[in-house]
C-alpha atoms as a PDB file:
ATOM      1  CA  MET A   1     -67.678 -80.975  10.407  1.00  0.00           C
ATOM      2  CA  PHE A   2     -68.726 -77.557   9.116  1.00  0.00           C
ATOM      3  CA  ALA A   3     -72.242 -78.124   7.885  1.00  0.00           C
ATOM      4  CA  GLY A   4     -75.185 -75.859   8.906  1.00  0.00           C
ATOM      5  CA  THR A   5     -74.673 -72.308   9.427  1.00  0.00           C
ATOM      6  CA  HIS A   6     -72.062 -70.414  11.271  1.00  0.00           C
ATOM      7  CA  ARG A   7     -73.824 -68.084  12.980  1.00  0.00           C
ATOM      8  CA  GLY A   8     -72.714 -64.818  14.614  1.00  0.00           C
ATOM      9  CA  ARG A   9     -69.092 -64.914  13.057  1.00  0.00           C
ATOM     10  CA  SER A  10     -67.947 -64.336   9.043  1.00  0.00           C
ATOM     11  CA  PRO A  11     -68.083 -68.056   7.591  1.00  0.00           C
ATOM     12  CA  PRO A  12     -64.308 -69.875   7.675  1.00  0.00           C
ATOM     13  CA  CYS A  13     -62.243 -69.887   4.990  1.00  0.00           C
ATOM     14  CA  PHE A  14     -61.421 -73.104   2.996  1.00  0.00           C
ATOM     15  CA  LEU A  15     -57.795 -73.469   1.447  1.00  0.00           C
ATOM     16  CA  GLU A  16     -57.361 -76.311  -0.615  1.00  0.00           C
ATOM     17  CA  ASN A  17     -54.182 -77.612  -1.404  1.00  0.00           C
ATOM     18  CA  THR A  18     -53.322 -78.886  -5.143  1.00  0.00           C
ATOM     19  CA  ARG A  19     -50.355 -79.719  -4.896  1.00  0.00           C
ATOM     20  CA  GLY A  20     -50.507 -82.661  -2.053  1.00  0.00           C
ATOM     21  CA  ARG A  21     -52.378 -86.106  -1.746  1.00  0.00           C
ATOM     22  CA  GLY A  22     -55.405 -85.054  -0.787  1.00  0.00           C
ATOM     23  CA  LYS A  23     -56.842 -81.793   0.628  1.00  0.00           C
ATOM     24  CA  THR A  24     -55.664 -79.391   3.569  1.00  0.00           C
ATOM     25  CA  PHE A  25     -58.748 -77.361   5.457  1.00  0.00           C
ATOM     26  CA  ALA A  26     -57.288 -74.582   7.086  1.00  0.00           C
ATOM     27  CA  PHE A  27     -59.610 -71.927   8.568  1.00  0.00           C
ATOM     28  CA  PHE A  28     -59.382 -68.546   9.240  1.00  0.00           C
ATOM     29  CA  PHE A  29     -61.778 -66.261  10.954  1.00  0.00           C
ATOM     30  CA  VAL A  30     -61.732 -62.714   9.858  1.00  0.00           C
ATOM     31  CA  THR A  31     -63.089 -60.387  12.806  1.00  0.00           C
ATOM     32  CA  MET A  32     -63.188 -57.001   9.913  1.00  0.00           C
ATOM     33  CA  GLY A  33     -66.442 -58.605   8.293  1.00  0.00           C
ATOM     34  CA  PHE A  34     -64.681 -59.142   4.546  1.00  0.00           C
ATOM     35  CA  GLY A  35     -65.074 -62.553   4.530  1.00  0.00           C
ATOM     36  CA  PRO A  36     -63.168 -65.111   3.043  1.00  0.00           C
ATOM     37  CA  VAL A  37     -59.888 -64.298   1.751  1.00  0.00           C
ATOM     38  CA  ASN A  38     -56.514 -65.968  -0.008  1.00  0.00           C
ATOM     39  CA  ALA A  39     -54.006 -67.574   3.324  1.00  0.00           C
ATOM     40  CA  VAL A  40     -51.523 -66.135   0.891  1.00  0.00           C
ATOM     41  CA  GLU A  41     -52.668 -62.529   0.517  1.00  0.00           C
ATOM     42  CA  ILE A  42     -53.160 -62.243   4.576  1.00  0.00           C
ATOM     43  CA  LYS A  43     -49.893 -63.408   5.113  1.00  0.00           C
ATOM     44  CA  GLU A  44     -48.626 -60.760   2.704  1.00  0.00           C
ATOM     45  CA  GLU A  45     -51.059 -58.055   4.427  1.00  0.00           C
ATOM     46  CA  ASN A  46     -49.432 -58.927   7.945  1.00  0.00           C
ATOM     47  CA  THR A  47     -46.132 -58.308   6.885  1.00  0.00           C
ATOM     48  CA  ARG A  48     -46.940 -55.347   4.999  1.00  0.00           C
ATOM     49  CA  ARG A  49     -48.853 -53.777   8.876  1.00  0.00           C
ATOM     50  CA  ILE A  50     -45.806 -55.408  10.682  1.00  0.00           C
ATOM     51  CA  ARG A  51     -43.449 -53.587   8.279  1.00  0.00           C
ATOM     52  CA  GLU A  52     -45.895 -50.082   8.744  1.00  0.00           C
ATOM     53  CA  LEU A  53     -45.735 -50.514  12.306  1.00  0.00           C
ATOM     54  CA  GLU A  54     -41.906 -51.311  12.716  1.00  0.00           C
ATOM     55  CA  ALA A  55     -41.113 -48.390  10.556  1.00  0.00           C
ATOM     56  CA  GLU A  56     -43.594 -46.119  12.777  1.00  0.00           C
ATOM     57  CA  LEU A  57     -42.074 -47.221  15.718  1.00  0.00           C
ATOM     58  CA  SER A  58     -38.620 -46.578  14.327  1.00  0.00           C
ATOM     59  CA  ASP A  59     -39.868 -42.895  13.664  1.00  0.00           C
ATOM     60  CA  GLU A  60     -41.119 -41.974  17.070  1.00  0.00           C
ATOM     61  CA  ARG A  61     -38.141 -43.382  18.510  1.00  0.00           C
ATOM     62  CA  PHE A  62     -36.253 -41.081  16.221  1.00  0.00           C
ATOM     63  CA  ALA A  63     -38.087 -38.188  16.800  1.00  0.00           C
ATOM     64  CA  GLU A  64     -38.023 -39.271  20.450  1.00  0.00           C
ATOM     65  CA  LEU A  65     -34.391 -39.408  20.733  1.00  0.00           C
ATOM     66  CA  PHE A  66     -33.644 -36.243  18.341  1.00  0.00           C
ATOM     67  CA  ASN A  67     -35.815 -34.020  20.424  1.00  0.00           C
ATOM     68  CA  SER A  68     -34.068 -34.843  23.297  1.00  0.00           C
ATOM     69  CA  GLU A  69     -31.966 -32.730  25.882  1.00  0.00           C
ATOM     70  CA  GLU A  70     -28.602 -34.855  24.822  1.00  0.00           C
ATOM     71  CA  THR A  71     -29.671 -34.149  20.734  1.00  0.00           C
ATOM     72  CA  ALA A  72     -30.588 -30.548  21.466  1.00  0.00           C
ATOM     73  CA  SER A  73     -27.996 -30.062  23.543  1.00  0.00           C
ATOM     74  CA  GLY A  74     -25.279 -31.499  20.854  1.00  0.00           C
ATOM     75  CA  LYS A  75     -27.324 -29.848  18.103  1.00  0.00           C
ATOM     76  CA  LYS A  76     -26.731 -25.995  19.679  1.00  0.00           C
ATOM     77  CA  ALA A  77     -22.477 -27.312  19.992  1.00  0.00           C
ATOM     78  CA  LEU A  78     -23.007 -27.972  16.425  1.00  0.00           C
ATOM     79  CA  ARG A  79     -24.595 -24.454  15.605  1.00  0.00           C
ATOM     80  CA  ARG A  80     -21.808 -22.714  18.145  1.00  0.00           C
ATOM     81  CA  LYS A  81     -18.981 -24.166  16.433  1.00  0.00           C
ATOM     82  CA  PRO A  82     -18.675 -23.021  13.531  1.00  0.00           C
ATOM     83  CA  ALA A  83     -19.559 -19.362  14.995  1.00  0.00           C
ATOM     84  CA  VAL A  84     -16.271 -19.720  17.206  1.00  0.00           C
ATOM     85  CA  SER A  85     -14.473 -21.228  14.408  1.00  0.00           C
ATOM     86  CA  MET A  86     -15.282 -17.719  12.461  1.00  0.00           C
ATOM     87  CA  ARG A  87     -14.936 -15.591  15.513  1.00  0.00           C
ATOM     88  CA  LEU A  88     -10.859 -17.292  15.503  1.00  0.00           C
ATOM     89  CA  ILE A  89     -10.555 -16.569  12.093  1.00  0.00           C
ATOM     90  CA  TRP A  90     -11.436 -13.103  12.318  1.00  0.00           C
ATOM     91  CA  LEU A  91      -9.210 -12.508  15.137  1.00  0.00           C
ATOM     92  CA  ALA A  92      -6.038 -14.026  13.886  1.00  0.00           C
ATOM     93  CA  ALA A  93      -7.061 -11.738  10.784  1.00  0.00           C
ATOM     94  CA  ALA A  94      -7.062  -8.826  12.811  1.00  0.00           C
ATOM     95  CA  ALA A  95      -3.805  -9.687  14.702  1.00  0.00           C
ATOM     96  CA  ILE A  96      -1.826 -10.080  11.147  1.00  0.00           C
ATOM     97  CA  VAL A  97      -3.364  -7.021   9.971  1.00  0.00           C
ATOM     98  CA  ALA A  98      -2.184  -5.290  12.916  1.00  0.00           C
ATOM     99  CA  VAL A  99       1.353  -6.566  13.115  1.00  0.00           C
ATOM    100  CA  PHE A 100       1.777  -5.523   9.215  1.00  0.00           C
ATOM    101  CA  LEU A 101       0.564  -2.447   9.809  1.00  0.00           C
ATOM    102  CA  ILE A 102       3.340  -2.077  12.755  1.00  0.00           C
ATOM    103  CA  ILE A 103       6.328  -3.437  10.975  1.00  0.00           C
ATOM    104  CA  LEU A 104       4.939  -1.146   7.679  1.00  0.00           C
ATOM    105  CA  PHE A 105       5.024   2.114  10.117  1.00  0.00           C
ATOM    106  CA  LEU A 106       8.166   1.223  11.793  1.00  0.00           C
ATOM    107  CA  PHE A 107      10.433  -0.124   9.260  1.00  0.00           C
ATOM    108  CA  PHE A 108       9.154   1.440   5.545  1.00  0.00           C
ATOM    109  CA  ASN A 109       7.048   4.750   4.765  1.00  0.00           C
ATOM    110  CA  PRO A 110       3.520   4.382   2.604  1.00  0.00           C
ATOM    111  CA  LYS A 111       4.033   7.124   0.123  1.00  0.00           C
ATOM    112  CA  ILE A 112       1.403   8.404  -2.640  1.00  0.00           C
ATOM    113  CA  THR A 113       3.216   8.964  -6.113  1.00  0.00           C
ATOM    114  CA  TYR A 114       1.891  12.368  -7.665  1.00  0.00           C
ATOM    115  CA  GLU A 115       4.987  12.442 -10.829  1.00  0.00           C
ATOM    116  CA  HIS A 116       5.236  11.583 -14.021  1.00  0.00           C
ATOM    117  CA  SER A 117       9.123  11.114 -13.985  1.00  0.00           C
ATOM    118  CA  MET A 118       8.826   7.201 -13.631  1.00  0.00           C
ATOM    119  CA  GLU A 119       6.676   6.056 -15.575  1.00  0.00           C
ATOM    120  CA  ASP A 120       5.206   3.113 -16.745  1.00  0.00           C
ATOM    121  CA  THR A 121       6.988   1.545 -13.490  1.00  0.00           C
ATOM    122  CA  ILE A 122       5.263   3.726 -10.919  1.00  0.00           C
ATOM    123  CA  MET A 123       2.295   5.162 -11.823  1.00  0.00           C
ATOM    124  CA  PRO A 124       0.472   8.543 -10.537  1.00  0.00           C
ATOM    125  CA  ARG A 125      -1.547   7.716  -7.622  1.00  0.00           C
ATOM    126  CA  ASP A 126       0.276   4.535  -6.846  1.00  0.00           C
ATOM    127  CA  LEU A 127       0.716   3.594  -3.345  1.00  0.00           C
ATOM    128  CA  ILE A 128       4.126   2.491  -2.386  1.00  0.00           C
ATOM    129  CA  VAL A 129       6.408   1.468  -0.069  1.00  0.00           C
ATOM    130  CA  LEU A 130       9.766   2.778   1.137  1.00  0.00           C
ATOM    131  CA  SER A 131      12.065   1.390   3.150  1.00  0.00           C
ATOM    132  CA  VAL A 132      13.744   3.694   5.399  1.00  0.00           C
ATOM    133  CA  ASN A 133      16.298   1.589   6.802  1.00  0.00           C
ATOM    134  CA  ALA A 134      17.596  -0.476   3.483  1.00  0.00           C
ATOM    135  CA  TYR A 135      20.725   1.782   3.425  1.00  0.00           C
ATOM    136  CA  ASN A 136      21.720   1.725   7.173  1.00  0.00           C
ATOM    137  CA  ASN A 137      23.791  -1.518   6.433  1.00  0.00           C
ATOM    138  CA  ALA A 138      23.968  -1.370   2.508  1.00  0.00           C
ATOM    139  CA  ASP A 139      25.391   0.789  -0.245  1.00  0.00           C
ATOM    140  CA  VAL A 140      22.688   2.244  -2.590  1.00  0.00           C
ATOM    141  CA  GLY A 141      22.934   0.042  -5.645  1.00  0.00           C
ATOM    142  CA  PHE A 142      22.981   0.753  -9.418  1.00  0.00           C
ATOM    143  CA  GLY A 143      19.507   0.428 -10.672  1.00  0.00           C
ATOM    144  CA  ASP A 144      17.776   1.180  -7.218  1.00  0.00           C
ATOM    145  CA  ILE A 145      14.379   3.452  -7.347  1.00  0.00           C
ATOM    146  CA  ILE A 146      14.692   6.050  -4.282  1.00  0.00           C
ATOM    147  CA  ILE A 147      12.985   8.562  -2.470  1.00  0.00           C
ATOM    148  CA  HIS A 148      15.248  12.091  -2.381  1.00  0.00           C
ATOM    149  CA  ASN A 149      14.812  15.269  -1.387  1.00  0.00           C
ATOM    150  CA  SER A 150      15.244  18.015  -4.186  1.00  0.00           C
ATOM    151  CA  PRO A 151      16.314  21.603  -4.141  1.00  0.00           C
ATOM    152  CA  ILE A 152      13.036  22.487  -6.290  1.00  0.00           C
ATOM    153  CA  GLU A 153      10.911  24.255  -4.030  1.00  0.00           C
ATOM    154  CA  ASP A 154       7.394  23.667  -3.885  1.00  0.00           C
ATOM    155  CA  PRO A 155       4.790  26.132  -3.448  1.00  0.00           C
ATOM    156  CA  ASP A 156       4.285  25.688   0.176  1.00  0.00           C
ATOM    157  CA  GLY A 157       7.688  27.067   1.014  1.00  0.00           C
ATOM    158  CA  GLY A 158       9.333  23.303   1.311  1.00  0.00           C
ATOM    159  CA  THR A 159      11.114  21.362  -1.661  1.00  0.00           C
ATOM    160  CA  TYR A 160       9.781  18.791  -3.905  1.00  0.00           C
ATOM    161  CA  GLU A 161      10.720  14.297  -2.866  1.00  0.00           C
ATOM    162  CA  MET A 162      11.427  12.990  -6.770  1.00  0.00           C
ATOM    163  CA  CYS A 163      10.837   9.514  -7.255  1.00  0.00           C
ATOM    164  CA  THR A 164      13.928   8.546  -9.962  1.00  0.00           C
ATOM    165  CA  ARG A 165      16.525   5.319 -10.587  1.00  0.00           C
ATOM    166  CA  VAL A 166      20.062   5.013  -9.770  1.00  0.00           C
ATOM    167  CA  ILE A 167      22.135   5.254 -13.096  1.00  0.00           C
ATOM    168  CA  GLY A 168      25.398   6.818 -11.584  1.00  0.00           C
ATOM    169  CA  LEU A 169      26.943   5.175  -8.752  1.00  0.00           C
ATOM    170  CA  PRO A 170      30.051   7.326  -6.981  1.00  0.00           C
ATOM    171  CA  GLY A 171      33.406   6.691  -9.671  1.00  0.00           C
ATOM    172  CA  ASP A 172      31.524   5.692 -12.890  1.00  0.00           C
ATOM    173  CA  VAL A 173      31.722   6.952 -15.677  1.00  0.00           C
ATOM    174  CA  ILE A 174      28.777   8.124 -17.130  1.00  0.00           C
ATOM    175  CA  GLU A 175      27.817   9.825 -21.034  1.00  0.00           C
ATOM    176  CA  ILE A 176      24.400  10.623 -22.643  1.00  0.00           C
ATOM    177  CA  LYS A 177      23.867  10.541 -25.955  1.00  0.00           C
ATOM    178  CA  ASP A 178      22.831   9.324 -29.539  1.00  0.00           C
ATOM    179  CA  GLY A 179      19.443   8.507 -27.386  1.00  0.00           C
ATOM    180  CA  SER A 180      21.388   6.070 -24.984  1.00  0.00           C
ATOM    181  CA  VAL A 181      23.397   6.228 -21.316  1.00  0.00           C
ATOM    182  CA  TYR A 182      27.009   4.810 -21.272  1.00  0.00           C
ATOM    183  CA  ARG A 183      27.883   3.695 -17.875  1.00  0.00           C
ATOM    184  CA  ASN A 184      31.619   2.621 -17.774  1.00  0.00           C
ATOM    185  CA  HIS A 185      32.032   3.456 -21.738  1.00  0.00           C
ATOM    186  CA  GLU A 186      29.063   0.599 -21.965  1.00  0.00           C
ATOM    187  CA  ARG A 187      26.020   1.041 -23.532  1.00  0.00           C
ATOM    188  CA  LEU A 188      23.329   0.395 -21.192  1.00  0.00           C
ATOM    189  CA  ASP A 189      20.049  -1.919 -21.618  1.00  0.00           C
ATOM    190  CA  GLU A 190      17.330  -0.444 -20.063  1.00  0.00           C
ATOM    191  CA  PRO A 191      13.963  -2.296 -20.597  1.00  0.00           C
ATOM    192  CA  TYR A 192      12.661   0.115 -18.004  1.00  0.00           C
ATOM    193  CA  THR A 193      12.435   3.176 -19.954  1.00  0.00           C
ATOM    194  CA  LYS A 194       9.021   4.491 -20.981  1.00  0.00           C
ATOM    195  CA  ASP A 195      10.630   5.064 -24.566  1.00  0.00           C
ATOM    196  CA  GLY A 196      13.496   3.087 -24.826  1.00  0.00           C
ATOM    197  CA  ARG A 197      15.431   6.242 -25.387  1.00  0.00           C
ATOM    198  CA  THR A 198      17.077   9.152 -23.272  1.00  0.00           C
ATOM    199  CA  ASP A 199      16.738  12.453 -24.296  1.00  0.00           C
ATOM    200  CA  GLY A 200      19.357  15.102 -24.256  1.00  0.00           C
ATOM    201  CA  ILE A 201      23.409  15.207 -24.142  1.00  0.00           C
ATOM    202  CA  MET A 202      25.392  14.540 -21.352  1.00  0.00           C
ATOM    203  CA  PRO A 203      29.418  14.802 -21.984  1.00  0.00           C
ATOM    204  CA  GLN A 204      31.294  12.148 -19.569  1.00  0.00           C
ATOM    205  CA  PHE A 205      32.160  12.631 -16.833  1.00  0.00           C
ATOM    206  CA  LEU A 206      33.227  10.760 -13.301  1.00  0.00           C
ATOM    207  CA  VAL A 207      30.931  10.844 -10.683  1.00  0.00           C
ATOM    208  CA  PRO A 208      32.253  12.247  -7.382  1.00  0.00           C
ATOM    209  CA  GLU A 209      32.310  10.653  -4.589  1.00  0.00           C
ATOM    210  CA  SER A 210      29.038  10.477  -2.167  1.00  0.00           C
ATOM    211  CA  LEU A 211      27.303  11.865  -4.894  1.00  0.00           C
ATOM    212  CA  TYR A 212      25.169   9.740  -7.461  1.00  0.00           C
ATOM    213  CA  LEU A 213      23.378  10.216 -10.878  1.00  0.00           C
ATOM    214  CA  VAL A 214      19.831   9.698 -11.190  1.00  0.00           C
ATOM    215  CA  LEU A 215      17.450   9.573 -13.840  1.00  0.00           C
ATOM    216  CA  GLY A 216      13.587   8.705 -13.973  1.00  0.00           C
ATOM    217  CA  ASP A 217      12.269   5.773 -16.342  1.00  0.00           C
ATOM    218  CA  ASN A 218       9.841   8.318 -18.429  1.00  0.00           C
ATOM    219  CA  ARG A 219      12.606  10.244 -20.016  1.00  0.00           C
ATOM    220  CA  GLN A 220      10.891  12.638 -22.135  1.00  0.00           C
ATOM    221  CA  ASP A 221       9.095  13.659 -19.109  1.00  0.00           C
ATOM    222  CA  SER A 222      11.027  13.404 -16.624  1.00  0.00           C
ATOM    223  CA  VAL A 223      13.171  15.556 -14.130  1.00  0.00           C
ATOM    224  CA  ASP A 224      15.989  14.225 -12.956  1.00  0.00           C
ATOM    225  CA  SER A 225      20.250  14.964 -12.986  1.00  0.00           C
ATOM    226  CA  ARG A 226      19.808  16.295 -16.536  1.00  0.00           C
ATOM    227  CA  ASP A 227      18.075  19.213 -15.116  1.00  0.00           C
ATOM    228  CA  PRO A 228      20.467  21.822 -13.548  1.00  0.00           C
ATOM    229  CA  ARG A 229      18.319  22.684 -11.010  1.00  0.00           C
ATOM    230  CA  VAL A 230      18.529  19.088  -9.521  1.00  0.00           C
ATOM    231  CA  GLY A 231      22.168  18.009 -10.885  1.00  0.00           C
ATOM    232  CA  LEU A 232      23.895  15.224  -8.799  1.00  0.00           C
ATOM    233  CA  ILE A 233      22.233  14.372  -5.425  1.00  0.00           C
ATOM    234  CA  MET A 234      24.303  13.803  -2.188  1.00  0.00           C
ATOM    235  CA  GLU A 235      23.657  10.394  -0.416  1.00  0.00           C
ATOM    236  CA  GLN A 236      22.658  12.016   3.001  1.00  0.00           C
ATOM    237  CA  GLU A 237      19.264  13.825   0.152  1.00  0.00           C
ATOM    238  CA  ILE A 238      18.256  10.124  -0.141  1.00  0.00           C
ATOM    239  CA  LYS A 239      15.455   9.313   2.215  1.00  0.00           C
ATOM    240  CA  GLY A 240      14.363   5.476   1.296  1.00  0.00           C
ATOM    241  CA  LYS A 241      14.476   2.699  -1.190  1.00  0.00           C
ATOM    242  CA  VAL A 242      11.306   2.142  -2.892  1.00  0.00           C
ATOM    243  CA  VAL A 243      10.357  -2.006  -3.097  1.00  0.00           C
ATOM    244  CA  PHE A 244       6.669  -2.590  -3.077  1.00  0.00           C
ATOM    245  CA  ARG A 245       3.405  -1.131  -4.573  1.00  0.00           C
ATOM    246  CA  LEU A 246       0.267  -1.359  -2.241  1.00  0.00           C
ATOM    247  CA  LEU A 247      -2.030  -0.266  -4.546  1.00  0.00           C
ATOM    248  CA  PRO A 248      -3.676  -0.644  -7.332  1.00  0.00           C
ATOM    249  CA  PHE A 249      -4.215  -4.174  -6.419  1.00  0.00           C
ATOM    250  CA  SER A 250      -3.730  -5.015 -10.055  1.00  0.00           C
ATOM    251  CA  ARG A 251       0.031  -3.776  -9.656  1.00  0.00           C
ATOM    252  CA  PHE A 252       0.404  -5.167  -6.164  1.00  0.00           C
ATOM    253  CA  GLY A 253       3.722  -6.774  -5.428  1.00  0.00           C
ATOM    254  CA  THR A 254       7.560  -5.787  -5.380  1.00  0.00           C
ATOM    255  CA  ILE A 255       9.359  -2.715  -7.627  1.00  0.00           C
ATOM    256  CA  LYS A 256      12.122  -3.266  -9.899  1.00  0.00           C
END
């Protein structure tokens, strides 16, 4: 049928089916000029090119959608959303700080300590918080750490404020002997003291009404009720109760 010369075109591809009973002929005209090829190879090549074309179309469609106005506005919205969230976070943080400062200065009084009397409970240059209303509806308690005025004059002609711990309440019987403090005839266990002992001698006596005996935790280097310049303090001399430490951060927290 195809005897003779095939003119003007590439020669036909001849495929022989070895499984059939005879021969099956398939003719493919290859227009690119590469000559006859196997039909399976052509099928594989066509499948590959179709997949590449689909991939190219998919990429182009994806790029078209990604660069569309709707997508662009969506991307801008996504970029803006974290900024709005951060702005809200900063506003909330600022509001919390503002409320904290208002409460702090209305009901409390922050102070920096410079004395050694309360070591190691309170160290020099600690920033502590004083509750100025602590005793409006409550009595001064045993073991409270307080700030109070003292009769000791400072270089400017005023008087020093002192930070000490309340040990003797009105009506208590106090005695200091043998390195220990006795309250109502019982020896006090005072783990908060720096050196674990209290120097000096104070004969047994009754704390009068509206007066308090105060001692520093650093009993070896503390100006307190053992000093005749200080003595027992009056209730009206108490300025407030120490309740919190702000600085240093390593010791941030309540003070007891």
